Amino acid sequence: MNNKIMKNIETSKVQALTDLVAYQDGQVVSKTLVQNPNVSLTLFSFDKGEEISTHSSHGDAMVYVIDGQAEITIGGEKFNVKAGETIVMPAEIPHAVYAQEQMKFMLTVVF
């Protein structure tokens, strides 16, 4: 059955999120699962030392780390977030993500 809401992921199948996006040397890799006017759901993998520089979003953005550890900066304050932990980056507040080691996370943005 074709699922018109979610993409790039099989439905009705148990899966490990960490297996759905691969590490690549010196790169940030992303896989979009949902993108619409209300929500965006994306899996990311970062090689050690990779980053997304400071920017802001029109929606609240929740990071759920599924492997490794991230340094997340929100409004100038730094937070260390490790596998199994989450943090919300509020809408319109500048934020950045830096990989202290290889890491993967799921990003949910609600508009």
C-alpha atoms as a PDB file:
ATOM      1  CA  MET A   1       0.000   0.000   0.000  1.00  0.00           C
ATOM      2  CA  ASN A   2       1.360   3.434  -0.916  1.00  0.00           C
ATOM      3  CA  ASN A   3       1.626   5.711   2.104  1.00  0.00           C
ATOM      4  CA  LYS A   4       1.118   9.288   0.909  1.00  0.00           C
ATOM      5  CA  ILE A   5       2.075  11.006   4.192  1.00  0.00           C
ATOM      6  CA  MET A   6       5.374   9.362   5.124  1.00  0.00           C
ATOM      7  CA  LYS A   7       8.167   8.639   2.668  1.00  0.00           C
ATOM      8  CA  ASN A   8      11.576   6.949   2.644  1.00  0.00           C
ATOM      9  CA  ILE A   9      10.484   4.447   5.303  1.00  0.00           C
ATOM     10  CA  GLU A  10       8.629   1.153   5.060  1.00  0.00           C
ATOM     11  CA  THR A  11       5.326   0.957   6.874  1.00  0.00           C
ATOM     12  CA  SER A  12       3.994  -1.956   8.942  1.00  0.00           C
ATOM     13  CA  LYS A  13       7.568  -3.062   9.671  1.00  0.00           C
ATOM     14  CA  VAL A  14       9.579  -2.903  12.912  1.00  0.00           C
ATOM     15  CA  GLN A  15      12.780  -0.953  12.275  1.00  0.00           C
ATOM     16  CA  ALA A  16      15.684   0.568  14.210  1.00  0.00           C
ATOM     17  CA  LEU A  17      15.937   4.307  13.557  1.00  0.00           C
ATOM     18  CA  THR A  18      19.733   4.087  13.709  1.00  0.00           C
ATOM     19  CA  ASP A  19      19.685   1.752  10.687  1.00  0.00           C
ATOM     20  CA  LEU A  20      17.691   4.151   8.499  1.00  0.00           C
ATOM     21  CA  VAL A  21      20.443   6.721   7.959  1.00  0.00           C
ATOM     22  CA  ALA A  22      24.123   5.833   7.438  1.00  0.00           C
ATOM     23  CA  TYR A  23      27.288   7.613   8.514  1.00  0.00           C
ATOM     24  CA  GLN A  24      29.453   9.042   5.736  1.00  0.00           C
ATOM     25  CA  ASP A  25      32.989  10.337   6.265  1.00  0.00           C
ATOM     26  CA  GLY A  26      33.098  14.124   6.596  1.00  0.00           C
ATOM     27  CA  GLN A  27      29.406  14.590   5.884  1.00  0.00           C
ATOM     28  CA  VAL A  28      25.999  15.391   7.278  1.00  0.00           C
ATOM     29  CA  VAL A  29      23.416  12.988   5.851  1.00  0.00           C
ATOM     30  CA  SER A  30      19.663  13.521   6.077  1.00  0.00           C
ATOM     31  CA  LYS A  31      16.598  11.473   5.204  1.00  0.00           C
ATOM     32  CA  THR A  32      13.228  13.219   5.160  1.00  0.00           C
ATOM     33  CA  LEU A  33      10.337  11.089   6.413  1.00  0.00           C
ATOM     34  CA  VAL A  34       7.574  13.750   6.460  1.00  0.00           C
ATOM     35  CA  GLN A  35       7.450  17.279   5.045  1.00  0.00           C
ATOM     36  CA  ASN A  36       4.230  19.287   5.023  1.00  0.00           C
ATOM     37  CA  PRO A  37       3.008  22.709   6.232  1.00  0.00           C
ATOM     38  CA  ASN A  38       2.393  21.361   9.764  1.00  0.00           C
ATOM     39  CA  VAL A  39       5.321  19.056  10.512  1.00  0.00           C
ATOM     40  CA  SER A  40       8.744  18.009   9.277  1.00  0.00           C
ATOM     41  CA  LEU A  41      10.347  14.732  10.394  1.00  0.00           C
ATOM     42  CA  THR A  42      13.942  14.090   9.347  1.00  0.00           C
ATOM     43  CA  LEU A  43      16.668  11.627  10.336  1.00  0.00           C
ATOM     44  CA  PHE A  44      20.235  12.945  10.397  1.00  0.00           C
ATOM     45  CA  SER A  45      23.695  11.439  10.742  1.00  0.00           C
ATOM     46  CA  PHE A  46      26.752  13.609  11.387  1.00  0.00           C
ATOM     47  CA  ASP A  47      30.347  12.515  11.141  1.00  0.00           C
ATOM     48  CA  LYS A  48      32.525  13.669  14.059  1.00  0.00           C
ATOM     49  CA  GLY A  49      33.207  17.403  13.818  1.00  0.00           C
ATOM     50  CA  GLU A  50      30.387  18.158  11.379  1.00  0.00           C
ATOM     51  CA  GLU A  51      27.845  20.847  12.174  1.00  0.00           C
ATOM     52  CA  ILE A  52      24.832  22.837  11.107  1.00  0.00           C
ATOM     53  CA  SER A  53      25.716  26.452  11.799  1.00  0.00           C
ATOM     54  CA  THR A  54      23.524  28.920  13.670  1.00  0.00           C
ATOM     55  CA  HIS A  55      20.104  29.485  12.113  1.00  0.00           C
ATOM     56  CA  SER A  56      16.480  29.734  13.222  1.00  0.00           C
ATOM     57  CA  SER A  57      13.204  28.055  12.297  1.00  0.00           C
ATOM     58  CA  HIS A  58       9.580  29.168  12.184  1.00  0.00           C
ATOM     59  CA  GLY A  59       8.591  26.030  14.135  1.00  0.00           C
ATOM     60  CA  ASP A  60       9.532  24.407  17.426  1.00  0.00           C
ATOM     61  CA  ALA A  61      12.228  21.836  16.647  1.00  0.00           C
ATOM     62  CA  MET A  62      12.696  18.747  18.824  1.00  0.00           C
ATOM     63  CA  VAL A  63      15.971  16.831  18.554  1.00  0.00           C
ATOM     64  CA  TYR A  64      15.960  13.219  19.763  1.00  0.00           C
ATOM     65  CA  VAL A  65      19.491  11.775  19.743  1.00  0.00           C
ATOM     66  CA  ILE A  66      19.470   8.108  18.717  1.00  0.00           C
ATOM     67  CA  ASP A  67      23.255   7.483  18.590  1.00  0.00           C
ATOM     68  CA  GLY A  68      26.300   9.321  19.894  1.00  0.00           C
ATOM     69  CA  GLN A  69      26.250  12.808  21.377  1.00  0.00           C
ATOM     70  CA  ALA A  70      25.503  16.310  20.119  1.00  0.00           C
ATOM     71  CA  GLU A  71      26.393  19.777  21.309  1.00  0.00           C
ATOM     72  CA  ILE A  72      23.313  21.886  20.701  1.00  0.00           C
ATOM     73  CA  THR A  73      23.412  25.646  21.074  1.00  0.00           C
ATOM     74  CA  ILE A  74      20.131  27.488  21.689  1.00  0.00           C
ATOM     75  CA  GLY A  75      20.214  31.260  22.003  1.00  0.00           C
ATOM     76  CA  GLY A  76      23.928  31.138  22.874  1.00  0.00           C
ATOM     77  CA  GLU A  77      23.578  28.458  25.591  1.00  0.00           C
ATOM     78  CA  LYS A  78      25.282  25.090  24.943  1.00  0.00           C
ATOM     79  CA  PHE A  79      23.703  21.731  25.828  1.00  0.00           C
ATOM     80  CA  ASN A  80      25.211  18.238  25.566  1.00  0.00           C
ATOM     81  CA  VAL A  81      22.543  15.782  24.439  1.00  0.00           C
ATOM     82  CA  LYS A  82      23.340  12.069  24.256  1.00  0.00           C
ATOM     83  CA  ALA A  83      21.610   8.986  22.854  1.00  0.00           C
ATOM     84  CA  GLY A  84      18.177   8.558  24.419  1.00  0.00           C
ATOM     85  CA  GLU A  85      17.849  12.245  25.299  1.00  0.00           C
ATOM     86  CA  THR A  86      15.894  15.062  23.651  1.00  0.00           C
ATOM     87  CA  ILE A  87      15.811  18.853  23.618  1.00  0.00           C
ATOM     88  CA  VAL A  88      13.435  21.371  22.048  1.00  0.00           C
ATOM     89  CA  MET A  89      14.815  24.346  20.139  1.00  0.00           C
ATOM     90  CA  PRO A  90      12.059  27.000  20.325  1.00  0.00           C
ATOM     91  CA  ALA A  91      10.776  28.700  17.172  1.00  0.00           C
ATOM     92  CA  GLU A  92      12.594  31.883  16.101  1.00  0.00           C
ATOM     93  CA  ILE A  93      15.493  31.331  18.570  1.00  0.00           C
ATOM     94  CA  PRO A  94      18.888  30.919  16.856  1.00  0.00           C
ATOM     95  CA  HIS A  95      20.305  27.410  17.287  1.00  0.00           C
ATOM     96  CA  ALA A  96      23.123  25.182  15.998  1.00  0.00           C
ATOM     97  CA  VAL A  97      24.096  21.492  16.111  1.00  0.00           C
ATOM     98  CA  TYR A  98      27.673  20.168  16.406  1.00  0.00           C
ATOM     99  CA  ALA A  99      28.780  16.520  16.458  1.00  0.00           C
ATOM    100  CA  GLN A 100      31.340  15.978  19.239  1.00  0.00           C
ATOM    101  CA  GLU A 101      31.500  12.392  17.965  1.00  0.00           C
ATOM    102  CA  GLN A 102      29.604  10.539  15.252  1.00  0.00           C
ATOM    103  CA  MET A 103      25.927  10.942  16.049  1.00  0.00           C
ATOM    104  CA  LYS A 104      22.443  10.424  14.685  1.00  0.00           C
ATOM    105  CA  PHE A 105      19.229  12.164  15.607  1.00  0.00           C
ATOM    106  CA  MET A 106      15.613  12.507  14.621  1.00  0.00           C
ATOM    107  CA  LEU A 107      14.435  16.075  14.112  1.00  0.00           C
ATOM    108  CA  THR A 108      10.744  16.871  14.476  1.00  0.00           C
ATOM    109  CA  VAL A 109       9.682  20.424  13.599  1.00  0.00           C
ATOM    110  CA  VAL A 110       6.119  21.471  14.372  1.00  0.00           C
ATOM    111  CA  PHE A 111       4.863  24.625  12.644  1.00  0.00           C
END
